[in-house]
């Protein structure tokens, strides 16, 4: 296969750090870039996951619950932190009672 040159620009620190890692792996920069390019072809895309900061399952569920509550006319609302804290404490007490009653 005929070869060609590829010129790229990167930060000096990035290049140095990558070269150190490649050296430990027994690779040079050319070989490492070729591995990346061939894997890109094999995967028909970037060979690793690219993603935005996506919330985890618990956070995503909380966001969905919040959206539903925002449009639920029957949902309780709180006008100050003391009322909210009291409701949360009451909820914790009920949960403790349920847990304790199951143990008996």
C-alpha atoms as a PDB file:
ATOM      1  CA  UNK A   1       0.000   0.000   0.000  1.00  0.00           C
ATOM      2  CA  UNK A   2       1.331   3.412  -0.938  1.00  0.00           C
ATOM      3  CA  UNK A   3       1.990   5.701   2.008  1.00  0.00           C
ATOM      4  CA  UNK A   4       1.392   9.419   2.381  1.00  0.00           C
ATOM      5  CA  UNK A   5       2.279  12.067   4.937  1.00  0.00           C
ATOM      6  CA  UNK A   6      -0.189  13.375   7.481  1.00  0.00           C
ATOM      7  CA  UNK A   7       0.583  16.629   9.292  1.00  0.00           C
ATOM      8  CA  UNK A   8      -1.386  17.511  12.417  1.00  0.00           C
ATOM      9  CA  UNK A   9      -1.153  20.255  15.016  1.00  0.00           C
ATOM     10  CA  UNK A  10      -1.484  19.630  18.720  1.00  0.00           C
ATOM     11  CA  UNK A  11      -0.328  21.141  21.993  1.00  0.00           C
ATOM     12  CA  UNK A  12       3.277  20.380  22.835  1.00  0.00           C
ATOM     13  CA  UNK A  13       2.308  18.951  26.248  1.00  0.00           C
ATOM     14  CA  UNK A  14      -0.254  16.632  24.652  1.00  0.00           C
ATOM     15  CA  UNK A  15       2.332  15.305  22.212  1.00  0.00           C
ATOM     16  CA  UNK A  16       4.917  14.716  24.946  1.00  0.00           C
ATOM     17  CA  UNK A  17       2.424  12.971  27.250  1.00  0.00           C
ATOM     18  CA  UNK A  18       1.142  10.773  24.405  1.00  0.00           C
ATOM     19  CA  UNK A  19       4.675   9.875  23.292  1.00  0.00           C
ATOM     20  CA  UNK A  20       5.501   8.745  26.841  1.00  0.00           C
ATOM     21  CA  UNK A  21       2.497   6.443  26.903  1.00  0.00           C
ATOM     22  CA  UNK A  22       3.171   5.109  23.403  1.00  0.00           C
ATOM     23  CA  UNK A  23       6.788   4.443  24.333  1.00  0.00           C
ATOM     24  CA  UNK A  24       5.674   2.381  27.333  1.00  0.00           C
ATOM     25  CA  UNK A  25       3.418   0.440  24.973  1.00  0.00           C
ATOM     26  CA  UNK A  26       6.296  -0.103  22.534  1.00  0.00           C
ATOM     27  CA  UNK A  27       4.764   2.199  19.926  1.00  0.00           C
ATOM     28  CA  UNK A  28       5.832   5.375  18.208  1.00  0.00           C
ATOM     29  CA  UNK A  29       3.507   8.236  17.276  1.00  0.00           C
ATOM     30  CA  UNK A  30       3.152   7.054  13.663  1.00  0.00           C
ATOM     31  CA  UNK A  31       2.108   3.565  14.683  1.00  0.00           C
ATOM     32  CA  UNK A  32      -0.336   4.891  17.299  1.00  0.00           C
ATOM     33  CA  UNK A  33      -1.974   7.269  14.800  1.00  0.00           C
ATOM     34  CA  UNK A  34      -2.200   4.463  12.233  1.00  0.00           C
ATOM     35  CA  UNK A  35      -3.890   2.250  14.826  1.00  0.00           C
ATOM     36  CA  UNK A  36      -6.412   5.019  15.473  1.00  0.00           C
ATOM     37  CA  UNK A  37      -7.049   5.548  11.741  1.00  0.00           C
ATOM     38  CA  UNK A  38      -7.453   1.831  11.002  1.00  0.00           C
ATOM     39  CA  UNK A  39      -9.780   1.361  13.977  1.00  0.00           C
ATOM     40  CA  UNK A  40     -11.808   4.350  12.767  1.00  0.00           C
ATOM     41  CA  UNK A  41     -12.211   2.633   9.406  1.00  0.00           C
ATOM     42  CA  UNK A  42     -13.053  -0.703  11.047  1.00  0.00           C
ATOM     43  CA  UNK A  43     -15.672   0.895  13.348  1.00  0.00           C
ATOM     44  CA  UNK A  44     -16.911   3.218  10.594  1.00  0.00           C
ATOM     45  CA  UNK A  45     -16.639   6.064  13.099  1.00  0.00           C
ATOM     46  CA  UNK A  46     -14.622   7.311  16.042  1.00  0.00           C
ATOM     47  CA  UNK A  47     -13.389   4.161  17.831  1.00  0.00           C
ATOM     48  CA  UNK A  48     -14.413   5.354  21.264  1.00  0.00           C
ATOM     49  CA  UNK A  49     -17.529   6.874  22.744  1.00  0.00           C
ATOM     50  CA  UNK A  50     -17.989  10.613  22.355  1.00  0.00           C
ATOM     51  CA  UNK A  51     -20.664  12.028  24.583  1.00  0.00           C
ATOM     52  CA  UNK A  52     -21.823  15.135  26.309  1.00  0.00           C
ATOM     53  CA  UNK A  53     -22.166  15.264  30.049  1.00  0.00           C
ATOM     54  CA  UNK A  54     -25.154  12.930  30.344  1.00  0.00           C
ATOM     55  CA  UNK A  55     -26.798  12.455  33.743  1.00  0.00           C
ATOM     56  CA  UNK A  56     -26.644   9.014  35.348  1.00  0.00           C
ATOM     57  CA  UNK A  57     -29.814   6.927  35.740  1.00  0.00           C
ATOM     58  CA  UNK A  58     -30.698   8.301  39.199  1.00  0.00           C
ATOM     59  CA  UNK A  59     -30.275  11.914  38.085  1.00  0.00           C
ATOM     60  CA  UNK A  60     -32.197  11.306  34.848  1.00  0.00           C
ATOM     61  CA  UNK A  61     -35.053   9.744  36.840  1.00  0.00           C
ATOM     62  CA  UNK A  62     -35.088  12.729  39.215  1.00  0.00           C
ATOM     63  CA  UNK A  63     -35.201  15.133  36.267  1.00  0.00           C
ATOM     64  CA  UNK A  64     -38.136  13.228  34.743  1.00  0.00           C
ATOM     65  CA  UNK A  65     -39.932  13.161  38.090  1.00  0.00           C
ATOM     66  CA  UNK A  66     -39.396  16.899  38.442  1.00  0.00           C
ATOM     67  CA  UNK A  67     -40.803  17.540  34.970  1.00  0.00           C
ATOM     68  CA  UNK A  68     -43.901  15.463  35.772  1.00  0.00           C
ATOM     69  CA  UNK A  69     -44.396  17.216  39.106  1.00  0.00           C
ATOM     70  CA  UNK A  70     -44.042  20.626  37.473  1.00  0.00           C
ATOM     71  CA  UNK A  71     -47.151  19.932  35.379  1.00  0.00           C
ATOM     72  CA  UNK A  72     -49.098  17.947  37.995  1.00  0.00           C
ATOM     73  CA  UNK A  73     -51.760  20.237  39.433  1.00  0.00           C
ATOM     74  CA  UNK A  74     -52.341  17.856  42.367  1.00  0.00           C
ATOM     75  CA  UNK A  75     -48.676  17.765  43.451  1.00  0.00           C
ATOM     76  CA  UNK A  76     -47.820  19.460  46.742  1.00  0.00           C
ATOM     77  CA  UNK A  77     -45.676  22.543  46.591  1.00  0.00           C
ATOM     78  CA  UNK A  78     -43.647  24.348  49.220  1.00  0.00           C
ATOM     79  CA  UNK A  79     -43.137  28.057  49.637  1.00  0.00           C
ATOM     80  CA  UNK A  80     -40.202  27.812  52.034  1.00  0.00           C
ATOM     81  CA  UNK A  81     -37.408  25.451  53.029  1.00  0.00           C
ATOM     82  CA  UNK A  82     -38.823  24.732  56.493  1.00  0.00           C
ATOM     83  CA  UNK A  83     -42.036  23.269  55.036  1.00  0.00           C
ATOM     84  CA  UNK A  84     -40.046  21.198  52.552  1.00  0.00           C
ATOM     85  CA  UNK A  85     -37.724  19.893  55.281  1.00  0.00           C
ATOM     86  CA  UNK A  86     -40.694  18.995  57.491  1.00  0.00           C
ATOM     87  CA  UNK A  87     -42.301  17.064  54.624  1.00  0.00           C
ATOM     88  CA  UNK A  88     -39.040  15.232  53.922  1.00  0.00           C
ATOM     89  CA  UNK A  89     -38.601  14.374  57.609  1.00  0.00           C
ATOM     90  CA  UNK A  90     -42.191  13.097  57.719  1.00  0.00           C
ATOM     91  CA  UNK A  91     -41.517  10.987  54.618  1.00  0.00           C
ATOM     92  CA  UNK A  92     -38.363   9.533  56.219  1.00  0.00           C
ATOM     93  CA  UNK A  93     -40.328   8.639  59.369  1.00  0.00           C
ATOM     94  CA  UNK A  94     -42.985   6.844  57.291  1.00  0.00           C
ATOM     95  CA  UNK A  95     -40.290   4.935  55.398  1.00  0.00           C
ATOM     96  CA  UNK A  96     -38.633   3.903  58.677  1.00  0.00           C
ATOM     97  CA  UNK A  97     -41.979   2.677  60.007  1.00  0.00           C
ATOM     98  CA  UNK A  98     -42.575   0.612  56.876  1.00  0.00           C
ATOM     99  CA  UNK A  99     -39.099  -0.896  57.047  1.00  0.00           C
ATOM    100  CA  UNK A 100     -39.417  -1.669  60.765  1.00  0.00           C
ATOM    101  CA  UNK A 101     -42.859  -3.245  60.349  1.00  0.00           C
ATOM    102  CA  UNK A 102     -41.522  -5.592  57.658  1.00  0.00           C
ATOM    103  CA  UNK A 103     -38.794  -6.821  60.009  1.00  0.00           C
ATOM    104  CA  UNK A 104     -41.303  -7.931  62.654  1.00  0.00           C
END
